[in-house]
Amino acid sequence: MIFVVLGTHELPFTRLLDEMQRLIDDGIVTEDVVVQSGHTNYSTSSMNLTPFLQFDEMERTFDEARVIVSHGGTGSIITGVKKEKPVIAVPRLSAHGEHNDDHQTEIVEQFQSTGHIIAIDHPTGLEQALEEARTFEPAPFVSGRDHILGILREFINRV
């Protein structure tokens, strides 16, 4: 199953769903596609769209997915990477009315540079990215939080 995560931002992200629909229509994607669509209104019978999922349902869907296709939000990306799933991330862009600025581009570039995700600039790269995801093994995610807590513990123990 492919899990598409569009997040909770109030602006729509139809470009990604349009491309996924094309891949389904062309017979390239044949497995189930589940979409957390947020505020993106989209009509199709080819994908299972739900605007918002409860936390436990979201976690379960991440666990069941073969691959995650996500907007460029840190929460969605980190969740997929922590679960050791191949994550394909596509930034929402202000030029398309998908976000207020292009900060998701920087987020996606950073996660790609560390080997955590497959990044694509435009949804038209989704077909190739899905093929790459079949063998992609993300770099393990190490939380900076744990490192900082370790430093604080060492400091407190010395005092």
N, C-alpha and C. Protein backbone atom coordinates (compact mmCIF):
# COMPACT_ATOMS: atom_id res chain seq x y z
N MET A 1 0.84 -1.18 0.00
CA MET A 1 0.00 0.00 0.00
C MET A 1 0.89 1.25 0.00
N ILE A 2 0.45 2.23 -0.74
CA ILE A 2 1.12 3.53 -0.78
C ILE A 2 0.31 4.48 0.10
N PHE A 3 0.99 5.15 1.02
CA PHE A 3 0.33 6.12 1.90
C PHE A 3 0.79 7.51 1.48
N VAL A 4 -0.16 8.31 1.01
CA VAL A 4 0.12 9.69 0.60
C VAL A 4 -0.31 10.60 1.74
N VAL A 5 0.61 11.44 2.20
CA VAL A 5 0.35 12.33 3.33
C VAL A 5 0.48 13.78 2.86
N LEU A 6 -0.64 14.51 2.90
CA LEU A 6 -0.64 15.91 2.47
C LEU A 6 -0.57 16.89 3.63
N GLY A 7 -0.68 16.41 4.86
CA GLY A 7 -0.55 17.28 6.02
C GLY A 7 -1.81 18.04 6.34
N THR A 8 -1.65 19.08 7.16
CA THR A 8 -2.80 19.83 7.67
C THR A 8 -2.84 21.28 7.22
N HIS A 9 -1.89 21.70 6.38
CA HIS A 9 -1.88 23.09 5.93
C HIS A 9 -3.18 23.41 5.19
N GLU A 10 -3.68 24.61 5.37
CA GLU A 10 -5.00 24.97 4.84
C GLU A 10 -5.06 25.14 3.32
N LEU A 11 -3.93 25.21 2.65
CA LEU A 11 -3.93 25.34 1.19
C LEU A 11 -3.88 23.96 0.52
N PRO A 12 -4.50 23.82 -0.65
CA PRO A 12 -4.57 22.51 -1.31
C PRO A 12 -3.25 22.10 -1.96
N PHE A 13 -3.10 20.80 -2.17
CA PHE A 13 -1.91 20.25 -2.84
C PHE A 13 -2.38 19.22 -3.87
N THR A 14 -3.13 19.70 -4.86
CA THR A 14 -3.72 18.80 -5.86
C THR A 14 -2.71 18.27 -6.86
N ARG A 15 -1.61 18.97 -7.10
CA ARG A 15 -0.62 18.50 -8.09
C ARG A 15 -0.16 17.08 -7.79
N LEU A 16 0.07 16.79 -6.52
CA LEU A 16 0.54 15.46 -6.15
C LEU A 16 -0.54 14.40 -6.39
N LEU A 17 -1.76 14.71 -6.05
CA LEU A 17 -2.85 13.75 -6.27
C LEU A 17 -3.15 13.57 -7.75
N ASP A 18 -3.04 14.64 -8.54
CA ASP A 18 -3.23 14.52 -9.99
C ASP A 18 -2.23 13.54 -10.59
N GLU A 19 -0.98 13.62 -10.15
CA GLU A 19 0.04 12.72 -10.69
C GLU A 19 -0.19 11.28 -10.22
N MET A 20 -0.55 11.10 -8.96
CA MET A 20 -0.85 9.75 -8.48
C MET A 20 -2.03 9.17 -9.26
N GLN A 21 -3.04 9.98 -9.53
CA GLN A 21 -4.20 9.52 -10.30
C GLN A 21 -3.77 9.11 -11.70
N ARG A 22 -2.88 9.88 -12.33
CA ARG A 22 -2.39 9.52 -13.66
C ARG A 22 -1.68 8.17 -13.64
N LEU A 23 -0.86 7.95 -12.62
CA LEU A 23 -0.13 6.69 -12.52
C LEU A 23 -1.08 5.51 -12.31
N ILE A 24 -2.15 5.72 -11.58
CA ILE A 24 -3.17 4.68 -11.40
C ILE A 24 -3.89 4.43 -12.73
N ASP A 25 -4.32 5.51 -13.38
CA ASP A 25 -5.05 5.40 -14.65
C ASP A 25 -4.22 4.71 -15.72
N ASP A 26 -2.90 4.95 -15.72
CA ASP A 26 -2.01 4.35 -16.72
C ASP A 26 -1.58 2.93 -16.35
N GLY A 27 -2.04 2.43 -15.20
CA GLY A 27 -1.70 1.07 -14.78
C GLY A 27 -0.32 0.93 -14.19
N ILE A 28 0.34 2.04 -13.91
CA ILE A 28 1.68 2.00 -13.33
C ILE A 28 1.60 1.71 -11.83
N VAL A 29 0.65 2.33 -11.16
CA VAL A 29 0.39 2.04 -9.75
C VAL A 29 -0.84 1.13 -9.70
N THR A 30 -0.64 -0.07 -9.15
CA THR A 30 -1.73 -1.04 -9.09
C THR A 30 -2.11 -1.41 -7.65
N GLU A 31 -1.30 -0.99 -6.70
CA GLU A 31 -1.60 -1.31 -5.30
C GLU A 31 -2.53 -0.26 -4.70
N ASP A 32 -3.06 -0.55 -3.53
CA ASP A 32 -3.95 0.39 -2.85
C ASP A 32 -3.21 1.69 -2.53
N VAL A 33 -3.93 2.79 -2.66
CA VAL A 33 -3.39 4.11 -2.31
C VAL A 33 -4.33 4.73 -1.28
N VAL A 34 -3.77 5.01 -0.11
CA VAL A 34 -4.50 5.65 0.98
C VAL A 34 -3.95 7.06 1.11
N VAL A 35 -4.85 8.05 1.20
CA VAL A 35 -4.43 9.45 1.22
C VAL A 35 -4.98 10.15 2.46
N GLN A 36 -4.09 10.78 3.21
CA GLN A 36 -4.49 11.73 4.25
C GLN A 36 -4.48 13.06 3.52
N SER A 37 -5.67 13.55 3.16
CA SER A 37 -5.77 14.66 2.22
C SER A 37 -5.82 16.05 2.85
N GLY A 38 -6.01 16.14 4.15
CA GLY A 38 -6.05 17.45 4.79
C GLY A 38 -7.11 18.33 4.19
N HIS A 39 -6.72 19.54 3.79
CA HIS A 39 -7.65 20.51 3.23
C HIS A 39 -7.70 20.48 1.70
N THR A 40 -7.17 19.41 1.10
CA THR A 40 -7.21 19.27 -0.35
C THR A 40 -8.47 18.50 -0.74
N ASN A 41 -9.39 19.19 -1.40
CA ASN A 41 -10.60 18.54 -1.89
C ASN A 41 -10.28 17.86 -3.21
N TYR A 42 -10.56 16.56 -3.28
CA TYR A 42 -10.23 15.79 -4.47
C TYR A 42 -11.25 14.68 -4.60
N SER A 43 -11.70 14.44 -5.81
CA SER A 43 -12.72 13.42 -6.03
C SER A 43 -12.15 12.31 -6.91
N THR A 44 -12.15 11.09 -6.39
CA THR A 44 -11.69 9.93 -7.13
C THR A 44 -12.21 8.67 -6.45
N SER A 45 -12.39 7.63 -7.24
CA SER A 45 -12.73 6.34 -6.66
C SER A 45 -11.52 5.42 -6.65
N SER A 46 -10.39 5.91 -7.16
CA SER A 46 -9.17 5.10 -7.27
C SER A 46 -8.31 5.12 -6.01
N MET A 47 -8.53 6.13 -5.16
CA MET A 47 -7.74 6.26 -3.94
C MET A 47 -8.71 6.41 -2.77
N ASN A 48 -8.27 5.95 -1.61
CA ASN A 48 -9.06 6.08 -0.38
C ASN A 48 -8.62 7.36 0.33
N LEU A 49 -9.42 8.42 0.20
CA LEU A 49 -9.06 9.72 0.77
C LEU A 49 -9.79 9.97 2.09
N THR A 50 -9.02 10.41 3.08
CA THR A 50 -9.57 10.83 4.36
C THR A 50 -8.88 12.13 4.73
N PRO A 51 -9.65 13.19 5.02
CA PRO A 51 -9.00 14.48 5.32
C PRO A 51 -8.04 14.41 6.51
N PHE A 52 -8.50 13.86 7.62
CA PHE A 52 -7.67 13.83 8.82
C PHE A 52 -7.84 12.49 9.51
N LEU A 53 -6.75 11.97 10.05
CA LEU A 53 -6.76 10.69 10.75
C LEU A 53 -6.40 10.92 12.21
N GLN A 54 -7.02 10.15 13.10
CA GLN A 54 -6.63 10.17 14.50
C GLN A 54 -5.19 9.66 14.60
N PHE A 55 -4.50 10.03 15.67
CA PHE A 55 -3.09 9.68 15.83
C PHE A 55 -2.84 8.18 15.67
N ASP A 56 -3.62 7.34 16.35
CA ASP A 56 -3.38 5.90 16.29
C ASP A 56 -3.64 5.34 14.90
N GLU A 57 -4.63 5.89 14.21
CA GLU A 57 -4.91 5.44 12.84
C GLU A 57 -3.80 5.89 11.88
N MET A 58 -3.29 7.08 12.10
CA MET A 58 -2.17 7.59 11.28
C MET A 58 -0.95 6.69 11.48
N GLU A 59 -0.64 6.37 12.73
CA GLU A 59 0.51 5.50 13.03
C GLU A 59 0.33 4.13 12.38
N ARG A 60 -0.84 3.56 12.49
CA ARG A 60 -1.12 2.25 11.92
C ARG A 60 -0.96 2.28 10.39
N THR A 61 -1.43 3.35 9.77
CA THR A 61 -1.32 3.45 8.31
C THR A 61 0.13 3.59 7.89
N PHE A 62 0.91 4.38 8.62
CA PHE A 62 2.36 4.45 8.36
C PHE A 62 2.97 3.05 8.46
N ASP A 63 2.61 2.31 9.50
CA ASP A 63 3.17 0.97 9.72
C ASP A 63 2.82 0.02 8.58
N GLU A 64 1.61 0.11 8.07
CA GLU A 64 1.14 -0.82 7.04
C GLU A 64 1.64 -0.47 5.64
N ALA A 65 2.07 0.75 5.44
CA ALA A 65 2.47 1.21 4.10
C ALA A 65 3.78 0.58 3.65
N ARG A 66 3.86 0.31 2.36
CA ARG A 66 5.12 -0.11 1.75
C ARG A 66 6.01 1.09 1.52
N VAL A 67 5.39 2.20 1.12
CA VAL A 67 6.11 3.44 0.83
C VAL A 67 5.23 4.61 1.23
N ILE A 68 5.89 5.70 1.67
CA ILE A 68 5.20 6.93 2.04
C ILE A 68 5.50 7.97 0.98
N VAL A 69 4.46 8.63 0.47
CA VAL A 69 4.62 9.77 -0.43
C VAL A 69 4.10 10.96 0.35
N SER A 70 4.97 11.92 0.63
CA SER A 70 4.62 12.98 1.56
C SER A 70 4.90 14.36 1.00
N HIS A 71 4.14 15.32 1.52
CA HIS A 71 4.50 16.72 1.33
C HIS A 71 5.82 16.94 2.08
N GLY A 72 6.37 18.13 2.02
CA GLY A 72 7.67 18.38 2.62
C GLY A 72 7.65 18.81 4.07
N GLY A 73 6.66 18.40 4.82
CA GLY A 73 6.58 18.76 6.24
C GLY A 73 7.43 17.84 7.10
N THR A 74 8.09 18.41 8.10
CA THR A 74 9.01 17.63 8.93
C THR A 74 8.32 16.49 9.68
N GLY A 75 7.13 16.73 10.21
CA GLY A 75 6.45 15.70 10.99
C GLY A 75 6.20 14.44 10.18
N SER A 76 5.68 14.60 8.99
CA SER A 76 5.37 13.44 8.14
C SER A 76 6.64 12.74 7.70
N ILE A 77 7.65 13.51 7.32
CA ILE A 77 8.91 12.91 6.88
C ILE A 77 9.55 12.13 8.02
N ILE A 78 9.69 12.76 9.18
CA ILE A 78 10.35 12.11 10.32
C ILE A 78 9.60 10.86 10.75
N THR A 79 8.28 10.90 10.74
CA THR A 79 7.51 9.71 11.13
C THR A 79 7.84 8.55 10.20
N GLY A 80 7.85 8.79 8.90
CA GLY A 80 8.18 7.73 7.95
C GLY A 80 9.59 7.22 8.10
N VAL A 81 10.54 8.13 8.29
CA VAL A 81 11.94 7.74 8.43
C VAL A 81 12.16 6.96 9.72
N LYS A 82 11.56 7.40 10.81
CA LYS A 82 11.70 6.66 12.08
C LYS A 82 11.15 5.24 11.96
N LYS A 83 10.15 5.06 11.13
CA LYS A 83 9.56 3.73 10.93
C LYS A 83 10.31 2.95 9.85
N GLU A 84 11.43 3.51 9.38
CA GLU A 84 12.31 2.87 8.39
C GLU A 84 11.60 2.57 7.09
N LYS A 85 10.69 3.46 6.71
CA LYS A 85 9.96 3.33 5.45
C LYS A 85 10.65 4.16 4.38
N PRO A 86 10.58 3.73 3.12
CA PRO A 86 11.02 4.63 2.07
C PRO A 86 10.05 5.80 1.99
N VAL A 87 10.57 7.00 2.07
CA VAL A 87 9.76 8.22 2.01
C VAL A 87 10.12 8.98 0.75
N ILE A 88 9.12 9.27 -0.05
CA ILE A 88 9.28 10.15 -1.21
C ILE A 88 8.64 11.47 -0.80
N ALA A 89 9.43 12.54 -0.82
CA ALA A 89 8.91 13.83 -0.38
C ALA A 89 8.87 14.82 -1.54
N VAL A 90 7.75 15.53 -1.61
CA VAL A 90 7.52 16.54 -2.64
C VAL A 90 7.15 17.83 -1.93
N PRO A 91 7.96 18.88 -2.06
CA PRO A 91 7.62 20.12 -1.35
C PRO A 91 6.41 20.83 -1.95
N ARG A 92 5.59 21.36 -1.06
CA ARG A 92 4.53 22.29 -1.48
C ARG A 92 5.23 23.58 -1.89
N LEU A 93 4.74 24.23 -2.95
CA LEU A 93 5.38 25.44 -3.45
C LEU A 93 4.42 26.62 -3.44
N SER A 94 4.96 27.77 -3.08
CA SER A 94 4.13 28.98 -3.04
C SER A 94 3.67 29.40 -4.43
N ALA A 95 4.49 29.15 -5.45
CA ALA A 95 4.14 29.53 -6.83
C ALA A 95 2.86 28.83 -7.31
N HIS A 96 2.55 27.69 -6.71
CA HIS A 96 1.34 26.93 -7.08
C HIS A 96 0.22 27.13 -6.07
N GLY A 97 0.41 28.07 -5.14
CA GLY A 97 -0.61 28.33 -4.14
C GLY A 97 -0.77 27.21 -3.12
N GLU A 98 0.32 26.46 -2.88
CA GLU A 98 0.26 25.31 -1.99
C GLU A 98 0.77 25.62 -0.58
N HIS A 99 1.49 26.72 -0.46
CA HIS A 99 2.01 27.14 0.84
C HIS A 99 2.31 28.63 0.78
N ASN A 100 2.63 29.20 1.92
CA ASN A 100 2.91 30.63 2.01
C ASN A 100 4.31 30.99 1.54
N ASP A 101 5.23 30.04 1.63
CA ASP A 101 6.61 30.23 1.19
C ASP A 101 7.15 28.88 0.75
N ASP A 102 8.45 28.82 0.46
CA ASP A 102 9.03 27.58 -0.06
C ASP A 102 9.95 26.89 0.94
N HIS A 103 9.67 27.01 2.22
CA HIS A 103 10.53 26.39 3.23
C HIS A 103 10.56 24.86 3.10
N GLN A 104 9.51 24.26 2.54
CA GLN A 104 9.51 22.81 2.41
C GLN A 104 10.59 22.32 1.44
N THR A 105 10.98 23.17 0.50
CA THR A 105 12.06 22.81 -0.42
C THR A 105 13.35 22.59 0.36
N GLU A 106 13.64 23.48 1.30
CA GLU A 106 14.85 23.36 2.12
C GLU A 106 14.79 22.12 3.00
N ILE A 107 13.63 21.84 3.57
CA ILE A 107 13.46 20.66 4.42
C ILE A 107 13.73 19.39 3.62
N VAL A 108 13.11 19.30 2.45
CA VAL A 108 13.26 18.12 1.60
C VAL A 108 14.71 17.96 1.16
N GLU A 109 15.36 19.04 0.77
CA GLU A 109 16.77 18.97 0.35
C GLU A 109 17.66 18.48 1.49
N GLN A 110 17.41 18.96 2.70
CA GLN A 110 18.22 18.54 3.85
C GLN A 110 18.06 17.05 4.13
N PHE A 111 16.83 16.56 4.16
CA PHE A 111 16.61 15.14 4.43
C PHE A 111 17.18 14.26 3.31
N GLN A 112 17.14 14.74 2.07
CA GLN A 112 17.73 13.97 0.98
C GLN A 112 19.25 13.94 1.11
N SER A 113 19.85 15.06 1.48
CA SER A 113 21.31 15.14 1.56
C SER A 113 21.88 14.20 2.62
N THR A 114 21.07 13.82 3.60
CA THR A 114 21.53 12.91 4.65
C THR A 114 21.13 11.46 4.37
N GLY A 115 20.53 11.22 3.21
CA GLY A 115 20.19 9.86 2.81
C GLY A 115 18.94 9.30 3.46
N HIS A 116 18.11 10.18 4.01
CA HIS A 116 16.90 9.72 4.70
C HIS A 116 15.71 9.50 3.77
N ILE A 117 15.65 10.25 2.66
CA ILE A 117 14.46 10.21 1.80
C ILE A 117 14.85 10.27 0.33
N ILE A 118 13.85 10.03 -0.50
CA ILE A 118 13.93 10.29 -1.93
C ILE A 118 13.19 11.60 -2.15
N ALA A 119 13.85 12.58 -2.71
CA ALA A 119 13.22 13.89 -2.93
C ALA A 119 12.94 14.08 -4.41
N ILE A 120 11.77 14.65 -4.69
CA ILE A 120 11.47 15.06 -6.06
C ILE A 120 10.97 16.50 -6.02
N ASP A 121 11.39 17.28 -7.01
CA ASP A 121 11.01 18.69 -7.07
C ASP A 121 9.59 18.89 -7.54
N HIS A 122 9.12 17.97 -8.35
CA HIS A 122 7.82 18.11 -9.00
C HIS A 122 7.14 16.74 -9.03
N PRO A 123 5.84 16.70 -8.89
CA PRO A 123 5.14 15.40 -8.89
C PRO A 123 5.38 14.54 -10.13
N THR A 124 5.79 15.14 -11.25
CA THR A 124 6.06 14.33 -12.44
C THR A 124 7.22 13.36 -12.22
N GLY A 125 8.01 13.56 -11.19
CA GLY A 125 9.08 12.62 -10.86
C GLY A 125 8.62 11.45 -10.02
N LEU A 126 7.33 11.36 -9.75
CA LEU A 126 6.81 10.33 -8.84
C LEU A 126 6.99 8.92 -9.38
N GLU A 127 6.76 8.71 -10.66
CA GLU A 127 6.89 7.36 -11.23
C GLU A 127 8.30 6.81 -11.00
N GLN A 128 9.31 7.59 -11.34
CA GLN A 128 10.70 7.16 -11.15
C GLN A 128 11.01 6.97 -9.66
N ALA A 129 10.51 7.87 -8.82
CA ALA A 129 10.77 7.78 -7.38
C ALA A 129 10.13 6.52 -6.78
N LEU A 130 8.94 6.16 -7.24
CA LEU A 130 8.30 4.94 -6.75
C LEU A 130 9.11 3.70 -7.13
N GLU A 131 9.70 3.73 -8.31
CA GLU A 131 10.56 2.62 -8.72
C GLU A 131 11.81 2.57 -7.84
N GLU A 132 12.41 3.73 -7.60
CA GLU A 132 13.59 3.80 -6.73
C GLU A 132 13.27 3.33 -5.31
N ALA A 133 12.07 3.61 -4.84
CA ALA A 133 11.68 3.26 -3.47
C ALA A 133 11.65 1.75 -3.25
N ARG A 134 11.54 0.97 -4.32
CA ARG A 134 11.50 -0.50 -4.16
C ARG A 134 12.78 -1.04 -3.52
N THR A 135 13.90 -0.36 -3.75
CA THR A 135 15.18 -0.84 -3.21
C THR A 135 15.83 0.16 -2.26
N PHE A 136 15.20 1.30 -2.05
CA PHE A 136 15.77 2.36 -1.21
C PHE A 136 15.77 1.95 0.27
N GLU A 137 16.91 2.12 0.90
CA GLU A 137 17.02 1.89 2.34
C GLU A 137 17.42 3.21 2.99
N PRO A 138 16.50 3.83 3.73
CA PRO A 138 16.82 5.13 4.31
C PRO A 138 17.91 5.03 5.38
N ALA A 139 18.72 6.07 5.46
CA ALA A 139 19.70 6.15 6.54
C ALA A 139 18.96 6.18 7.86
N PRO A 140 19.50 5.52 8.88
CA PRO A 140 18.83 5.53 10.19
C PRO A 140 18.69 6.96 10.72
N PHE A 141 17.55 7.23 11.32
CA PHE A 141 17.30 8.56 11.89
C PHE A 141 17.78 8.58 13.32
N VAL A 142 18.64 9.55 13.63
CA VAL A 142 19.13 9.74 14.99
C VAL A 142 18.62 11.09 15.46
N SER A 143 17.83 11.07 16.50
CA SER A 143 17.24 12.30 17.02
C SER A 143 18.30 13.15 17.71
N GLY A 144 18.34 14.42 17.40
CA GLY A 144 19.22 15.35 18.10
C GLY A 144 18.81 15.51 19.55
N ARG A 145 17.56 15.25 19.83
CA ARG A 145 17.03 15.36 21.20
C ARG A 145 17.78 14.43 22.14
N ASP A 146 17.97 13.18 21.73
CA ASP A 146 18.67 12.21 22.57
C ASP A 146 20.10 12.64 22.84
N HIS A 147 20.75 13.19 21.84
CA HIS A 147 22.13 13.66 21.99
C HIS A 147 22.19 14.81 23.01
N ILE A 148 21.28 15.75 22.88
CA ILE A 148 21.25 16.90 23.80
C ILE A 148 20.96 16.44 25.22
N LEU A 149 20.02 15.51 25.39
CA LEU A 149 19.72 14.99 26.72
C LEU A 149 20.94 14.30 27.34
N GLY A 150 21.70 13.60 26.52
CA GLY A 150 22.93 12.96 27.00
C GLY A 150 23.94 13.97 27.50
N ILE A 151 24.10 15.05 26.77
CA ILE A 151 25.02 16.12 27.19
C ILE A 151 24.56 16.72 28.51
N LEU A 152 23.26 16.98 28.63
CA LEU A 152 22.72 17.54 29.87
C LEU A 152 22.92 16.58 31.05
N ARG A 153 22.71 15.29 30.83
CA ARG A 153 22.91 14.31 31.91
C ARG A 153 24.36 14.31 32.38
N GLU A 154 25.28 14.31 31.42
CA GLU A 154 26.70 14.34 31.77
C GLU A 154 27.04 15.58 32.58
N PHE A 155 26.53 16.71 32.17
CA PHE A 155 26.78 17.97 32.88
C PHE A 155 26.24 17.91 34.30
N ILE A 156 25.00 17.45 34.45
CA ILE A 156 24.37 17.37 35.77
C ILE A 156 25.14 16.40 36.67
N ASN A 157 25.58 15.30 36.13
CA ASN A 157 26.33 14.31 36.93
C ASN A 157 27.68 14.84 37.38
N ARG A 158 28.26 15.78 36.66
CA ARG A 158 29.55 16.36 37.04
C ARG A 158 29.39 17.45 38.09
N VAL A 159 28.23 18.04 38.19
CA VAL A 159 28.02 19.16 39.11
C VAL A 159 27.83 18.69 40.53
